[in-house]
N, C-alpha and C. Protein backbone atom coordinates (compact mmCIF):
# COMPACT_ATOMS: atom_id res chain seq x y z
N ARG A 1 120.31 46.06 122.70
CA ARG A 1 121.83 45.57 122.83
C ARG A 1 121.51 44.34 121.63
N ARG A 2 122.38 44.13 121.02
CA ARG A 2 122.18 42.66 120.76
C ARG A 2 123.57 41.71 120.72
N VAL A 3 123.73 40.56 120.92
CA VAL A 3 125.04 39.82 121.23
C VAL A 3 124.72 38.64 120.41
N LEU A 4 126.04 38.52 119.57
CA LEU A 4 125.91 37.09 118.75
C LEU A 4 127.02 36.02 119.90
N MET A 5 126.48 34.85 120.08
CA MET A 5 126.54 33.94 121.18
C MET A 5 127.29 32.43 120.16
N ALA A 6 128.31 32.20 120.23
CA ALA A 6 128.76 31.06 119.52
C ALA A 6 129.22 30.12 120.65
N GLU A 7 128.42 29.11 120.16
CA GLU A 7 128.40 28.03 121.46
C GLU A 7 127.67 26.71 120.90
N ASP A 8 128.53 25.53 121.16
CA ASP A 8 128.50 24.48 120.41
C ASP A 8 127.34 23.45 121.01
N ASN A 9 127.37 23.71 122.37
CA ASN A 9 126.71 22.79 123.37
C ASN A 9 125.03 23.66 123.70
N GLY A 10 123.90 22.76 123.17
CA GLY A 10 122.80 23.23 123.12
C GLY A 10 122.46 23.32 124.14
N MET A 11 122.63 23.15 125.48
CA MET A 11 122.23 23.33 126.91
C MET A 11 123.00 24.67 127.43
N ASN A 12 124.28 24.88 126.85
CA ASN A 12 124.61 26.23 127.32
C ASN A 12 124.07 27.53 126.46
N ARG A 13 123.63 26.74 125.16
CA ARG A 13 123.14 28.17 124.37
C ARG A 13 121.88 28.77 125.10
N ILE A 14 121.07 27.62 125.59
CA ILE A 14 119.58 27.74 126.27
C ILE A 14 119.76 28.47 127.15
N VAL A 15 121.14 28.03 128.02
CA VAL A 15 120.91 29.12 129.44
C VAL A 15 121.66 30.19 129.38
N GLY A 16 122.70 30.40 128.07
CA GLY A 16 123.32 31.64 127.90
C GLY A 16 121.85 32.88 127.14
N GLU A 17 121.29 32.37 126.13
CA GLU A 17 119.90 33.01 125.87
C GLU A 17 119.31 33.15 126.91
N GLY A 18 118.70 32.76 128.09
CA GLY A 18 118.21 32.89 129.59
C GLY A 18 118.49 33.84 129.86
N LEU A 19 119.61 34.22 130.22
CA LEU A 19 120.43 35.27 130.74
C LEU A 19 120.33 36.52 130.19
N LEU A 20 121.05 36.68 128.84
CA LEU A 20 120.83 37.62 127.97
C LEU A 20 119.03 38.06 128.15
N LYS A 21 118.32 37.46 127.89
CA LYS A 21 117.02 37.97 127.41
C LYS A 21 116.81 38.59 129.01
N LYS A 22 116.67 37.86 129.96
CA LYS A 22 116.34 38.27 131.08
C LYS A 22 117.04 40.03 131.56
N ALA A 23 118.40 40.16 131.14
CA ALA A 23 118.90 41.21 130.88
C ALA A 23 118.51 42.05 130.14
N ASN A 24 117.50 42.02 128.82
CA ASN A 24 117.09 42.80 127.95
C ASN A 24 118.04 43.08 126.98
N ILE A 25 118.55 41.56 126.68
CA ILE A 25 119.90 41.94 125.75
C ILE A 25 119.09 41.16 124.63
N LEU A 26 118.98 41.18 123.37
CA LEU A 26 118.74 40.23 122.20
C LEU A 26 119.90 39.26 121.81
N CYS A 27 119.74 37.96 121.71
CA CYS A 27 120.74 36.94 121.49
C CYS A 27 120.32 36.38 120.29
N GLU A 28 121.82 36.18 119.31
CA GLU A 28 121.61 35.22 117.89
C GLU A 28 122.46 34.42 118.54
N THR A 29 122.73 33.02 118.02
CA THR A 29 123.16 32.22 118.16
C THR A 29 124.00 31.61 116.88
N ALA A 30 125.04 30.79 117.31
CA ALA A 30 125.91 30.02 116.25
C ALA A 30 126.69 28.88 116.99
N VAL A 31 126.51 27.98 116.21
CA VAL A 31 126.53 26.36 116.92
C VAL A 31 128.53 25.77 116.49
N ASN A 32 129.12 27.28 115.78
CA ASN A 32 130.33 26.82 115.61
C ASN A 32 130.98 28.57 115.41
N GLY A 33 132.15 28.48 115.37
CA GLY A 33 133.19 29.44 114.86
C GLY A 33 133.08 29.92 113.58
N ARG A 34 132.77 29.10 112.45
CA ARG A 34 132.70 29.32 111.45
C ARG A 34 131.38 29.69 111.15
N GLU A 35 130.42 29.16 111.74
CA GLU A 35 128.93 29.90 111.55
C GLU A 35 128.75 31.36 112.29
N ALA A 36 129.74 32.16 113.68
CA ALA A 36 129.64 32.86 113.97
C ALA A 36 130.44 34.15 112.72
N PHE A 37 131.70 33.55 112.34
CA PHE A 37 131.87 34.19 111.37
C PHE A 37 130.93 34.76 110.31
N GLU A 38 130.06 33.76 109.75
CA GLU A 38 129.55 33.94 108.70
C GLU A 38 128.50 34.95 109.10
N MET A 39 128.00 34.44 110.00
CA MET A 39 126.47 35.60 111.00
C MET A 39 127.53 37.21 111.03
N PHE A 40 128.47 37.00 111.21
CA PHE A 40 128.94 38.47 111.92
C PHE A 40 129.01 39.33 110.38
N THR A 41 129.77 38.20 109.48
CA THR A 41 130.14 38.81 107.79
C THR A 41 128.86 39.45 107.22
N ALA A 42 128.00 38.76 107.51
CA ALA A 42 126.59 39.05 106.59
C ALA A 42 126.03 40.28 107.38
N SER A 43 126.04 40.24 108.46
CA SER A 43 125.89 41.49 109.18
C SER A 43 125.85 42.79 108.72
N ALA A 44 125.02 43.72 108.98
CA ALA A 44 125.31 45.32 108.59
C ALA A 44 126.14 45.25 109.79
N PRO A 45 127.26 46.75 109.48
CA PRO A 45 128.25 47.15 109.80
C PRO A 45 127.50 47.39 111.82
N GLY A 46 128.07 47.21 112.98
CA GLY A 46 127.20 47.81 113.93
C GLY A 46 126.05 47.12 114.58
N PHE A 47 125.94 46.23 113.98
CA PHE A 47 124.55 45.23 114.12
C PHE A 47 124.83 44.46 115.03
N TYR A 48 125.78 44.04 115.76
CA TYR A 48 125.95 43.37 117.08
C TYR A 48 126.76 44.13 117.73
N ASP A 49 126.77 44.04 119.38
CA ASP A 49 127.07 45.17 120.08
C ASP A 49 128.12 44.34 120.73
N ALA A 50 128.31 43.24 120.57
CA ALA A 50 129.14 41.82 121.18
C ALA A 50 129.09 40.65 120.86
N ILE A 51 130.33 39.89 120.79
CA ILE A 51 130.41 38.57 120.48
C ILE A 51 130.77 37.82 121.91
N LEU A 52 130.13 36.92 122.41
CA LEU A 52 130.44 35.53 123.30
C LEU A 52 130.75 34.87 122.55
N MET A 53 132.00 34.30 122.60
CA MET A 53 132.93 32.89 121.95
C MET A 53 133.46 31.93 122.65
N ASP A 54 132.77 30.85 122.19
CA ASP A 54 133.15 29.34 123.24
C ASP A 54 134.42 29.58 122.42
N ILE A 55 135.46 28.48 123.43
CA ILE A 55 136.66 28.17 122.69
C ILE A 55 136.62 26.71 121.99
N GLN A 56 136.01 25.94 122.37
CA GLN A 56 136.07 24.59 121.88
C GLN A 56 135.06 24.61 121.67
N MET A 57 135.45 24.56 119.82
CA MET A 57 133.67 24.20 119.00
C MET A 57 134.43 23.72 117.93
N PRO A 58 133.43 22.45 116.91
CA PRO A 58 133.75 21.87 115.89
C PRO A 58 133.88 22.65 114.94
N VAL A 59 134.63 22.43 113.81
CA VAL A 59 134.62 23.46 112.48
C VAL A 59 135.34 24.81 112.55
N MET A 60 135.12 25.18 113.17
CA MET A 60 136.01 26.29 113.52
C MET A 60 136.33 26.72 115.20
N ASP A 61 137.27 26.77 115.83
CA ASP A 61 137.31 26.98 117.10
C ASP A 61 136.88 28.49 117.51
N GLY A 62 136.92 29.36 118.41
CA GLY A 62 136.87 30.15 119.38
C GLY A 62 138.22 31.49 119.06
N TYR A 63 139.00 30.63 119.07
CA TYR A 63 140.41 31.39 118.65
C TYR A 63 140.39 31.69 117.00
N GLN A 64 140.44 30.73 117.01
CA GLN A 64 140.23 30.90 114.95
C GLN A 64 139.04 31.55 114.33
N ALA A 65 138.22 32.02 115.18
CA ALA A 65 136.82 32.98 114.69
C ALA A 65 137.25 34.40 114.82
N ALA A 66 138.15 34.07 116.26
CA ALA A 66 137.90 35.75 116.56
C ALA A 66 138.72 36.39 115.65
N GLU A 67 140.01 35.88 115.31
CA GLU A 67 141.31 35.94 114.58
C GLU A 67 140.33 36.61 113.04
N ALA A 68 139.39 35.27 112.63
CA ALA A 68 139.08 35.64 111.35
C ALA A 68 138.10 36.89 111.63
N ILE A 69 137.26 37.15 112.45
CA ILE A 69 136.83 38.28 112.39
C ILE A 69 137.78 39.85 112.12
N ARG A 70 138.65 39.41 113.41
CA ARG A 70 139.33 40.99 113.38
C ARG A 70 139.91 41.10 112.05
N ALA A 71 140.24 40.09 110.91
CA ALA A 71 141.18 40.23 110.02
C ALA A 71 140.04 41.08 108.67
N LEU A 72 138.95 41.06 109.72
CA LEU A 72 138.04 41.38 108.53
C LEU A 72 138.11 43.09 107.94
N ASP A 73 138.02 43.24 106.82
CA ASP A 73 138.41 44.49 106.49
C ASP A 73 136.99 45.74 106.64
N ARG A 74 136.40 46.02 107.69
CA ARG A 74 135.20 46.19 108.34
C ARG A 74 135.56 47.06 109.57
N ALA A 75 135.14 48.10 109.54
CA ALA A 75 135.73 49.45 110.85
C ALA A 75 135.25 48.26 112.22
N ASP A 76 134.09 47.56 112.22
CA ASP A 76 133.49 47.11 113.50
C ASP A 76 134.25 46.10 113.83
N ALA A 77 135.01 45.52 112.63
CA ALA A 77 135.63 43.78 112.59
C ALA A 77 137.01 44.24 113.97
N LYS A 78 137.27 45.28 113.65
CA LYS A 78 138.45 45.91 114.83
C LYS A 78 138.12 45.94 116.06
N THR A 79 136.95 46.30 116.26
CA THR A 79 136.42 47.17 117.63
C THR A 79 135.41 46.39 117.93
N ILE A 80 134.70 45.57 117.81
CA ILE A 80 133.58 44.77 118.39
C ILE A 80 134.39 44.23 119.44
N PRO A 81 133.62 44.32 120.80
CA PRO A 81 134.33 43.06 121.82
C PRO A 81 133.73 41.54 121.93
N ILE A 82 134.81 40.86 121.93
CA ILE A 82 134.57 39.58 121.86
C ILE A 82 135.24 39.07 123.09
N LEU A 83 134.10 38.22 123.78
CA LEU A 83 134.49 37.42 125.17
C LEU A 83 134.40 36.27 125.03
N ALA A 84 135.94 35.71 125.68
CA ALA A 84 135.75 34.06 125.77
C ALA A 84 134.72 33.40 126.67
N LEU A 85 134.23 32.91 126.22
CA LEU A 85 132.85 31.82 127.43
C LEU A 85 133.63 30.66 127.00
N THR A 86 134.18 30.36 128.25
CA THR A 86 135.05 28.91 128.32
C THR A 86 135.27 28.34 129.40
N ALA A 87 135.34 26.87 129.89
CA ALA A 87 135.91 26.39 130.83
C ALA A 87 138.03 26.62 131.05
N ASN A 88 138.33 27.13 130.04
CA ASN A 88 139.21 27.12 129.95
C ASN A 88 139.83 28.50 130.19
N ALA A 89 140.31 27.95 131.81
CA ALA A 89 139.98 29.52 133.09
C ALA A 89 141.80 29.49 133.31
N PHE A 90 142.86 29.18 132.88
CA PHE A 90 144.41 28.94 133.15
C PHE A 90 144.92 30.52 132.75
N ALA A 91 145.50 31.30 133.48
CA ALA A 91 146.75 32.22 132.79
C ALA A 91 147.02 31.89 131.36
N SER A 92 147.17 31.24 131.00
CA SER A 92 147.82 31.06 129.65
C SER A 92 146.82 31.02 128.66
N ASP A 93 145.40 30.54 129.25
CA ASP A 93 144.28 30.21 128.15
C ASP A 93 143.97 31.84 128.11
N ILE A 94 143.59 32.69 128.99
CA ILE A 94 143.62 34.19 129.09
C ILE A 94 144.56 34.70 128.06
N GLY A 95 145.88 34.67 128.17
CA GLY A 95 146.48 35.23 127.43
C GLY A 95 146.36 34.77 125.84
N LYS A 96 145.96 33.38 125.97
CA LYS A 96 145.77 32.93 124.36
C LYS A 96 144.48 33.79 123.39
N ALA A 97 143.63 34.14 124.76
CA ALA A 97 142.23 34.34 124.09
C ALA A 97 142.75 35.76 123.80
N HIS A 98 143.58 36.68 124.35
CA HIS A 98 143.75 37.96 124.19
C HIS A 98 144.83 37.77 122.33
N SER A 99 145.65 37.02 122.55
CA SER A 99 146.44 37.38 121.45
C SER A 99 145.62 37.27 120.27
N ALA A 100 144.63 35.92 120.54
CA ALA A 100 143.88 36.07 119.42
C ALA A 100 142.33 37.18 118.71
N GLY A 101 142.79 38.23 119.69
CA GLY A 101 141.67 39.05 119.52
C GLY A 101 140.57 39.56 120.21
N MET A 102 140.56 38.80 121.62
CA MET A 102 139.61 38.60 122.28
C MET A 102 139.48 39.87 123.60
N ASN A 103 138.76 40.29 123.82
CA ASN A 103 139.17 41.56 124.45
C ASN A 103 139.12 41.11 126.37
N ASP A 104 138.20 40.01 126.61
CA ASP A 104 137.70 39.52 127.80
C ASP A 104 137.73 38.01 127.75
N HIS A 105 137.52 37.67 129.14
CA HIS A 105 137.69 36.16 129.29
C HIS A 105 136.44 35.76 130.80
N VAL A 106 135.37 34.93 130.32
CA VAL A 106 134.21 34.54 131.05
C VAL A 106 133.99 33.72 131.94
N ALA A 107 135.06 33.17 132.53
CA ALA A 107 134.74 31.35 132.98
C ALA A 107 133.75 30.84 132.79
N LYS A 108 133.45 29.42 132.82
CA LYS A 108 132.41 28.45 132.90
C LYS A 108 132.68 28.17 133.81
N PRO A 109 131.52 27.29 134.40
CA PRO A 109 130.11 28.00 134.44
C PRO A 109 130.09 29.14 134.65
N ILE A 110 129.25 29.72 134.23
CA ILE A 110 128.72 31.02 134.16
C ILE A 110 128.31 30.90 135.21
N GLU A 111 128.64 32.83 135.92
CA GLU A 111 128.55 33.75 136.53
C GLU A 111 127.75 34.65 136.19
N VAL A 112 126.42 34.36 136.62
CA VAL A 112 125.61 35.96 135.96
C VAL A 112 126.15 36.77 136.34
N ASP A 113 126.54 37.35 137.83
CA ASP A 113 127.12 38.50 137.69
C ASP A 113 128.48 38.89 136.92
N ARG A 114 129.23 37.73 136.91
CA ARG A 114 130.85 38.27 136.36
C ARG A 114 130.14 38.65 134.81
N LEU A 115 129.45 37.97 134.33
CA LEU A 115 128.97 37.64 132.51
C LEU A 115 128.33 39.28 132.38
N MET A 116 127.37 39.61 133.35
CA MET A 116 126.77 40.94 133.07
C MET A 116 127.58 42.21 133.19
N GLU A 117 128.97 41.86 134.16
CA GLU A 117 129.97 43.00 134.29
C GLU A 117 130.53 43.23 133.06
N ALA A 118 130.96 42.18 132.43
CA ALA A 118 131.85 42.23 131.35
C ALA A 118 131.06 42.71 130.23
N LEU A 119 130.15 42.15 129.87
CA LEU A 119 129.01 43.04 129.05
C LEU A 119 128.96 44.10 129.40
N LYS A 120 128.92 45.15 130.48
CA LYS A 120 128.38 46.12 130.67
C LYS A 120 129.86 46.69 130.53
N ARG A 121 130.97 46.40 130.80
CA ARG A 121 132.23 47.17 130.26
C ARG A 121 132.84 47.16 128.95
N TRP A 122 131.84 46.45 128.23
CA TRP A 122 132.49 46.35 126.64
C TRP A 122 131.51 47.29 125.85
N ILE A 123 130.35 46.85 126.38
CA ILE A 123 129.23 47.76 125.84
C ILE A 123 128.82 49.38 125.85
N LYS A 124 129.26 49.87 124.89
CA LYS A 124 128.97 51.18 125.36
C LYS A 124 127.61 51.96 125.32
């Protein structure tokens, strides 16, 4: 399995990569939403199994990146699971993530079991 993680905080990227590695999931990282969008766009269809998307990032935030990915004219852009990975955990935040095209919401600080549960639910 391969996941694209968009996260601007270096320590959060290291922790996330470590958690995914322990679960035998390959992880590629982007430091902002624009970079995540460009990495997804440059990848072959089906290359990534899921995207973990931070919300508050410079250049392009997670909502904008998710919307841009969903607007692409390729089949996997409509179906790839995009999971919000954020400290914004109010019901309105979850609703906004869904409205931007995200499939699920995992609150920070990351609870390993919750993250793995969400990935198992969305990665077929």
